[in-house]
Protein backbone atom coordinates (compact mmCIF):
# COMPACT_ATOMS: atom_id res chain seq x y z
CA UNK A 1 9.14 -108.31 95.15
CA UNK A 2 9.17 -105.10 97.39
CA UNK A 3 6.41 -102.92 96.25
CA UNK A 4 8.21 -99.49 96.71
CA UNK A 5 11.83 -100.65 95.52
CA UNK A 6 13.21 -98.21 93.03
CA UNK A 7 16.73 -99.93 93.17
CA UNK A 8 18.44 -99.98 89.44
CA UNK A 9 16.14 -97.38 88.29
CA UNK A 10 17.09 -93.82 86.92
CA UNK A 11 14.56 -90.93 87.42
CA UNK A 12 14.55 -87.44 85.87
CA UNK A 13 12.67 -84.81 88.12
CA UNK A 14 12.38 -81.31 86.57
CA UNK A 15 12.08 -78.41 88.75
CA UNK A 16 13.69 -80.33 91.59
CA UNK A 17 15.87 -78.00 93.67
CA UNK A 18 12.97 -76.84 96.13
CA UNK A 19 9.46 -77.84 97.04
CA UNK A 20 7.62 -80.68 95.51
CA UNK A 21 10.25 -81.55 93.29
CA UNK A 22 13.12 -81.66 95.68
CA UNK A 23 11.01 -83.91 97.97
CA UNK A 24 10.49 -86.18 95.03
CA UNK A 25 14.44 -86.74 94.04
CA UNK A 26 15.11 -86.97 97.86
CA UNK A 27 12.30 -89.83 98.28
CA UNK A 28 13.23 -91.67 95.05
CA UNK A 29 16.91 -91.84 96.07
CA UNK A 30 15.88 -93.03 99.65
CA UNK A 31 13.90 -95.71 97.73
CA UNK A 32 17.04 -96.74 95.73
CA UNK A 33 17.03 -95.02 92.52
CA UNK A 34 19.75 -92.67 90.83
CA UNK A 35 17.99 -89.24 90.33
CA UNK A 36 18.67 -86.45 87.93
CA UNK A 37 18.25 -83.03 89.72
CA UNK A 38 17.24 -80.39 87.35
CA UNK A 39 16.18 -76.85 87.23
CA UNK A 40 17.10 -73.51 85.61
CA UNK A 41 20.06 -72.80 88.03
CA UNK A 42 23.23 -75.14 88.05
CA UNK A 43 24.38 -74.02 91.54
CA UNK A 44 21.00 -75.04 92.93
CA UNK A 45 21.20 -78.50 91.34
CA UNK A 46 24.63 -78.87 92.39
CA UNK A 47 23.70 -78.28 96.07
CA UNK A 48 20.74 -80.36 96.28
CA UNK A 49 22.63 -83.33 94.36
CA UNK A 50 25.52 -83.07 96.83
CA UNK A 51 22.96 -83.33 99.65
CA UNK A 52 21.61 -86.52 98.19
CA UNK A 53 24.95 -87.98 97.47
CA UNK A 54 26.21 -87.27 100.94
CA UNK A 55 23.13 -88.99 102.71
CA UNK A 56 22.77 -91.94 100.02
CA UNK A 57 26.07 -92.56 98.38
CA UNK A 58 28.19 -90.86 95.81
CA UNK A 59 26.86 -90.91 92.27
CA UNK A 60 23.21 -91.30 93.57
CA UNK A 61 22.43 -87.81 92.05
CA UNK A 62 23.38 -86.24 88.73
CA UNK A 63 22.93 -82.33 88.66
CA UNK A 64 21.77 -81.12 85.33
CA UNK A 65 20.51 -77.49 84.86
CA UNK A 66 17.64 -77.20 82.15
CA UNK A 67 15.53 -74.34 81.19
CA UNK A 68 12.24 -75.71 80.44
CA UNK A 69 11.25 -72.81 77.79
CA UNK A 70 14.36 -73.98 75.72
CA UNK A 71 13.83 -77.14 73.89
CA UNK A 72 17.55 -77.93 73.20
CA UNK A 73 18.01 -77.69 77.08
CA UNK A 74 15.51 -80.52 77.43
CA UNK A 75 17.04 -82.67 74.65
CA UNK A 76 20.51 -82.11 76.37
CA UNK A 77 18.84 -83.20 79.80
CA UNK A 78 17.67 -86.34 78.29
CA UNK A 79 20.94 -87.01 76.37
CA UNK A 80 23.35 -86.42 79.27
CA UNK A 81 21.14 -88.67 81.41
CA UNK A 82 21.60 -91.60 78.96
CA UNK A 83 25.13 -90.65 78.74
CA UNK A 84 25.71 -90.86 82.41
CA UNK A 85 23.29 -93.86 83.41
CA UNK A 86 22.80 -95.66 80.45
CA UNK A 87 18.94 -95.72 80.89
CA UNK A 88 15.85 -93.64 82.05
CA UNK A 89 13.18 -95.50 83.78
CA UNK A 90 11.28 -92.33 85.51
CA UNK A 91 10.30 -88.98 84.19
CA UNK A 92 8.47 -86.55 86.70
CA UNK A 93 7.79 -83.25 84.49
CA UNK A 94 7.24 -81.22 87.58
CA UNK A 95 8.56 -77.73 86.52
CA UNK A 96 5.93 -75.11 84.96
CA UNK A 97 5.13 -71.60 84.42
CA UNK A 98 2.08 -69.74 86.50
CA UNK A 99 0.18 -66.91 84.98
CA UNK A 100 -2.63 -65.10 86.52
CA UNK A 101 -5.28 -62.38 85.39
CA UNK A 102 -8.96 -63.01 84.28
CA UNK A 103 -9.43 -63.84 80.25
CA UNK A 104 -10.32 -60.11 80.00
CA UNK A 105 -6.73 -58.96 81.43
CA UNK A 106 -4.39 -61.72 80.50
CA UNK A 107 -2.27 -60.90 77.44
CA UNK A 108 -2.35 -63.65 74.58
CA UNK A 109 1.62 -63.70 75.04
CA UNK A 110 1.27 -64.80 78.70
CA UNK A 111 -1.37 -67.53 77.53
CA UNK A 112 1.25 -68.98 75.50
CA UNK A 113 3.91 -68.77 77.85
CA UNK A 114 1.93 -70.53 80.50
CA UNK A 115 0.96 -73.18 78.12
CA UNK A 116 4.55 -73.97 76.96
CA UNK A 117 5.50 -74.17 80.63
CA UNK A 118 2.98 -76.57 81.38
CA UNK A 119 2.11 -78.73 78.45
CA UNK A 120 4.63 -78.30 75.68
CA UNK A 121 7.62 -78.92 77.89
CA UNK A 122 5.86 -82.13 79.21
CA UNK A 123 4.76 -83.31 76.19
CA UNK A 124 8.46 -82.85 74.46
CA UNK A 125 10.04 -84.49 77.71
CA UNK A 126 7.63 -87.42 77.51
CA UNK A 127 8.39 -88.03 73.62
CA UNK A 128 12.23 -87.90 74.39
CA UNK A 129 12.23 -90.41 76.92
CA UNK A 130 9.77 -92.71 75.37
CA UNK A 131 12.21 -94.02 72.95
CA UNK A 132 14.84 -95.27 75.54
CA UNK A 133 12.17 -96.48 77.86
CA UNK A 134 10.52 -98.83 75.12
CA UNK A 135 14.00 -100.21 74.17
CA UNK A 136 14.51 -101.21 77.84
CA UNK A 137 11.12 -102.60 77.98
CA UNK A 138 9.04 -99.89 80.05
CA UNK A 139 9.05 -97.04 82.02
CA UNK A 140 6.68 -94.67 84.30
CA UNK A 141 6.12 -90.95 83.36
CA UNK A 142 4.28 -88.65 85.54
CA UNK A 143 2.99 -85.26 85.11
CA UNK A 144 2.32 -82.61 87.72
CA UNK A 145 -0.80 -80.93 87.47
CA UNK A 146 -2.70 -78.56 89.97
CA UNK A 147 -6.12 -78.40 91.72
CA UNK A 148 -6.44 -75.20 89.38
CA UNK A 149 -7.18 -78.01 86.61
CA UNK A 150 -9.82 -79.59 88.76
CA UNK A 151 -11.65 -76.69 90.14
CA UNK A 152 -12.52 -73.48 88.63
CA UNK A 153 -10.24 -70.64 89.34
CA UNK A 154 -11.65 -67.66 87.35
CA UNK A 155 -8.25 -65.57 87.96
CA UNK A 156 -6.13 -68.32 86.61
CA UNK A 157 -7.60 -69.39 83.29
CA UNK A 158 -4.28 -70.05 81.47
CA UNK A 159 -2.76 -71.89 84.31
CA UNK A 160 -5.82 -73.85 84.80
CA UNK A 161 -6.40 -74.82 81.36
CA UNK A 162 -2.61 -75.66 80.83
CA UNK A 163 -2.60 -78.09 84.18
CA UNK A 164 -5.98 -79.61 82.84
CA UNK A 165 -4.32 -80.12 79.46
CA UNK A 166 -1.99 -82.44 81.17
CA UNK A 167 -4.42 -84.45 82.62
CA UNK A 168 -5.91 -85.36 79.12
CA UNK A 169 -2.07 -85.51 77.79
CA UNK A 170 -1.52 -88.45 80.15
CA UNK A 171 -4.48 -90.27 79.23
CA UNK A 172 -3.78 -90.20 75.50
CA UNK A 173 -0.45 -91.17 76.19
CA UNK A 174 -1.19 -93.92 78.63
CA UNK A 175 -3.34 -95.47 75.72
CA UNK A 176 -0.87 -94.90 72.92
CA UNK A 177 2.25 -96.41 74.63
CA UNK A 178 0.65 -99.02 77.13
CA UNK A 179 1.57 -101.80 74.75
CA UNK A 180 4.93 -100.79 75.33
CA UNK A 181 4.69 -100.97 78.98
CA UNK A 182 4.81 -97.28 79.44
CA UNK A 183 2.71 -96.03 82.14
CA UNK A 184 1.49 -92.24 81.90
CA UNK A 185 -0.05 -90.82 85.05
CA UNK A 186 -0.88 -87.30 86.44
CA UNK A 187 -0.45 -85.87 90.36
CA UNK A 188 -2.48 -83.14 91.38
CA UNK A 189 -1.45 -81.36 94.27
CA UNK A 190 -3.74 -78.92 96.66
CA UNK A 191 -2.40 -76.42 98.52
CA UNK A 192 1.31 -77.73 99.69
CA UNK A 193 3.88 -76.15 102.09
CA UNK A 194 6.34 -74.76 99.82
CA UNK A 195 8.01 -71.28 99.11
CA UNK A 196 5.80 -70.87 95.83
CA UNK A 197 2.55 -70.98 97.97
CA UNK A 198 3.89 -69.21 101.20
CA UNK A 199 1.16 -66.71 101.12
CA UNK A 200 -1.50 -69.43 101.51
CA UNK A 201 -0.07 -71.02 104.70
CA UNK A 202 2.47 -68.56 106.51
CA UNK A 203 0.15 -65.98 107.92
CA UNK A 204 -2.80 -67.02 110.21
CA UNK A 205 -5.28 -65.50 107.87
CA UNK A 206 -3.78 -67.15 104.82
CA UNK A 207 -3.72 -70.53 106.77
CA UNK A 208 -7.36 -69.90 107.62
CA UNK A 209 -8.46 -69.17 104.19
CA UNK A 210 -6.59 -72.57 103.06
CA UNK A 211 -7.74 -74.83 105.12
CA UNK A 212 -11.35 -73.64 104.96
CA UNK A 213 -11.32 -74.86 101.34
CA UNK A 214 -9.74 -78.29 102.46
CA UNK A 215 -12.02 -81.05 104.05
CA UNK A 216 -9.00 -82.44 105.78
CA UNK A 217 -8.57 -78.87 107.36
CA UNK A 218 -4.73 -78.43 106.91
CA UNK A 219 -2.19 -77.80 104.00
CA UNK A 220 -0.24 -80.89 102.54
CA UNK A 221 3.39 -81.53 102.95
CA UNK A 222 5.95 -82.04 100.14
CA UNK A 223 6.59 -85.72 101.31
CA UNK A 224 2.94 -86.38 100.86
CA UNK A 225 3.12 -85.60 97.12
CA UNK A 226 6.51 -87.50 96.77
CA UNK A 227 5.09 -90.63 98.31
CA UNK A 228 2.59 -90.42 95.14
CA UNK A 229 5.49 -90.22 92.51
CA UNK A 230 7.15 -92.98 94.49
CA UNK A 231 4.14 -95.21 94.17
CA UNK A 232 3.49 -94.52 90.70
CA UNK A 233 7.09 -95.18 89.75
CA UNK A 234 7.38 -98.23 91.66
CA UNK A 235 6.28 -102.07 91.36
CA UNK A 236 3.31 -101.25 93.65
CA UNK A 237 1.95 -98.89 90.76
CA UNK A 238 2.75 -101.26 87.88
CA UNK A 239 -0.79 -101.89 86.83
CA UNK A 240 -1.86 -98.19 86.99
CA UNK A 241 -1.89 -95.77 84.10
CA UNK A 242 -3.85 -92.85 82.73
CA UNK A 243 -4.77 -92.29 86.28
CA UNK A 244 -5.03 -88.70 87.95
CA UNK A 245 -4.05 -88.99 91.67
CA UNK A 246 -5.45 -86.09 93.55
CA UNK A 247 -3.31 -85.21 96.62
CA UNK A 248 -5.49 -82.22 97.67
CA UNK A 249 -6.83 -83.03 100.84
CA UNK A 250 -10.30 -83.15 99.26
CA UNK A 251 -10.33 -79.47 98.07
CA UNK A 252 -11.72 -80.45 94.64
CA UNK A 253 -14.88 -81.14 96.54
CA UNK A 254 -15.31 -77.56 97.40
CA UNK A 255 -14.93 -76.32 94.06
CA UNK A 256 -14.22 -72.54 93.55
CA UNK A 257 -16.20 -71.16 96.57
CA UNK A 258 -14.37 -68.48 98.30
CA UNK A 259 -11.67 -68.67 95.47
CA UNK A 260 -10.91 -64.72 95.45
CA UNK A 261 -10.19 -64.60 99.17
CA UNK A 262 -7.98 -67.76 98.31
CA UNK A 263 -6.03 -65.74 95.79
CA UNK A 264 -5.84 -62.47 97.33
CA UNK A 265 -4.15 -64.58 100.49
CA UNK A 266 -1.84 -66.17 98.02
CA UNK A 267 -0.63 -62.98 96.15
CA UNK A 268 -0.17 -61.32 99.44
CA UNK A 269 -2.96 -58.83 98.85
């Protein structure tokens, strides 16, 4: 048995045209999986899928646009994947919405939007893929959380609560679906070098604040997060479920100290 072999597997990864999601579909394809590239923009999906097919062979990647705020889009995403490949072995619910503002300032509508983007879409996707996974004898589901779920960031209450909800959702589903050989786990990124976090690492000042919060003294790279996804999806992770894997450079150990400077850098303020 090759511990990290994904040949014969089919993976859906949301938010996979950039950042952590893109690295995940690329690395899963590298390890043999067929991958569904999904984000809101079809042209972006087409571009990433074409790159993967060129590198790993025609038919390896399927581009399917889906808006995570539209439940019909998520249902169509799963249905079209089954129509094309006949199975779903891996789900990475990576796409989400972000909101900011202390609890005094944030609007209720914004809290609802962020919660839907973090928890509701992940729960719905998990529900949709669970049935075909059970029929085929198992599968691996992963939710992408955030260090905002494990440390207290006062300026991101809705986002932090939503991302923490994913951790508990994974634990609940791991217990419920374990007898069906469905494994459900969470990945928690720290500051990772993506366009979304550019304010935290691009400038010398932003980088200084970011690494000062991180015991390893640097920001993470997208492939380091993708490696965790490959691990959870592979035979090497077959006896792990309900787990939260922190790929954060140790930032959780330093908590929220200095977080206001951190947020100021992130927002370009």
